[in-house]
Every structure is written in structure tokens, then in C-alpha cells.
Amino acid sequence: MLAEIGSQEIFEEKSWIFEPKFDGTRVAIVKEDSKIRLINRRGKDISYRYPELRGIVKNIKANNCILDAELVVLNKEGKPDFNLLQQREQLDNKVLIELKSAEWPATLFVFDVLQIDKQSTASLPLKVRKELLNKIIEDSEFITKCPYTFDGKKLWKKVREQGLEGVMAKKIDSAYEGKRSKNWLKIKNLNTVDAIVVGFTKGKGAREKLGALVLACYDRGKLIYVGKVGTGFDKSTIDFLLSQLQKIITKKPAIKDANKIKEIEEDVVWVKPMLIAEVKFLELTKDKKLRAPSFMRLRFDKKPQDCTI
């Protein structure tokens, strides 16, 4: 969904709590007795990629539970670094997984609880669920309760100063929703969009292999073209993108009437609509095109159908 900075009046409300939005990947932590599983938003078990997190079982004081969390890799300055996380998200080689686990360990920031000992907590007010987290989570290097505050203005100032992703504002009496709604608002530090990559063009010179990504989003159930992004790439990013794109090349464009869109060159290499790119942009034009887009990263924790205007 297109995420824009919301009305600052929300920070004046006393019936909301505010959490920092970390630059990570959303996971459900499933504890079953002495076993821990990490399930991403695509329903995939990614526990094997993060062996350093096996020990968190002792920090969760419930026999069985389901927790909602953000999996983050912190850099040397202690700030969330999505590029480091992305390096780990695609690893399948056991030796490399172990090496990266030691070099760039992950941390889980837990912000909600859905179930404790097979009893659903989803309908309880958020305030009560936060109190439950205080009782069952013992903070450590690898798992910690997500901080929150009632002072939205102060948190927003810190987010801007530290260059964090944004703020989540949640009604204190809200049930668990798990996604943005009128009760759960994401206030981003930048305008960004999660868009589906439906093709790419070739460039010139050093950018001969990749000039720009062709992007689309769902609008009222229909996949529409929202523009191309040709900035924000360095050499390593280009190499990584090409390694992913070349696996899903197709002759049939995912967007209908692609041949009628004037901005799209005839030599576009079409790909299956499987990759999601997060792109920052200045504004969305009246004809639903991204103005001044710049590539940020690929997202592997979202589904294409989530990319909507």
C-alpha cells in the first residue's frame, strides 16, 4: 500500500500508543514447548536461516504461544540495516548461514501476542496484550519487547533524527488486527510504495544489463502500470537483481494493454509478477504514476497482492 506521512494531529491523541517502525521483516514466533519456529508473511518457515535465535526459547515464559515480531539486523551503530538483513534472507548454504549468523546476528522486536497456551488473546485490548508481553518476554540480545510510548511527538522526533523507517500508531483498546487499519496506522518517515516488478529494460555503458525496473500495483483488483525506476542501484544491487530477474523471464506481460503504454519501450524484458520492490518517491501523479522514484530494496516478506494503491 502507498504509505504517506499521516496527519500530525494523531500525535496529540491520548488514546493511542506509538511504536518505532523498525526496518526489518515481519515474523510470527511460534513456540511449542521447547521448539521455536519463525514464520514470515508468506507462510514460510525461515528458522533455519537464523540459528542464533534458537536460544530465545528460554526467554519466552509460556509453554506455547504465538507472538508477532519484527526481525531486524543491527549494524555497528546499533541501527536497523535492511541491506544486511537482505543478505541473510536469501541464504540457503549451511556454512554461509552459520558465518553470517556470527557476523551479523538478528534481533526480534516483539510487539504483540496472539495466543498463550492455546488460548487466543487476539480480542483482548492492546493495553492488556502489552501487559501479557511484559510477563512472558525476558529481554535479551536476541529478543526484546518493542518499546512504546504515549508521547507520539517525542518518538516522531527521535525517528526523524535517527533516520528510522517510521512510527506505528495503535488505539490502546484495539483488538489484534495485524495490518494497517483505522485503528493501526503506519506513519512513514518517507513516501514509499511496495510495487510489483513486471519487467526491466536494458541501459547503456556500465548499466547495459539493467536500465530500469518496470513497476505495477493493484488498483481495484486490476494490475496497473505505475512507472519505471532507474535510480538507486549500485553494481552489487544490479548483479543481485539480475540474478533474481533472469529466473522469472516470460514472454507475456502481466499488465494488460502493455503495448499501449507510451512510456514503456518496445524492448522491455517481461518477468512474472513475483518480485516486490520498495521504492521511495516524491508524489503520486493524477494518472497514478510515481514521480521521482528511487529503488530502495527488494521485499521478500510480502505477497504481490499486498501491493495496492
Foldseek 3Di string as FASTA:
>chain_A
DWAAADDPCLLVDQQKKKFFDAPFFKWKWWAAQLATFTAFQVRDTPCLLAVVCSPQSVQFQANTWIFIWGKFWADPVRGGDVVLVVVSSPDDDNVVSVVSCVVTNIAIATEFTQDGPNHGPQQFFSLVRVVVCVVGGDDDPRYDYGDMGSRSVVVQVVCLVVVGFFMWMARRGHGHDPDDDPGIGTRGPFGKFWWWFFWFDADDDVRRRGQWTWTWFDEPNATDTAEIARAADDPVRVVVVCVVQVVFFDPDTPHPPPVVDVVDDPPIGTGDRFKIWMWTADDQDPVGHGHPIHTDGIDPRDGRNVRHD
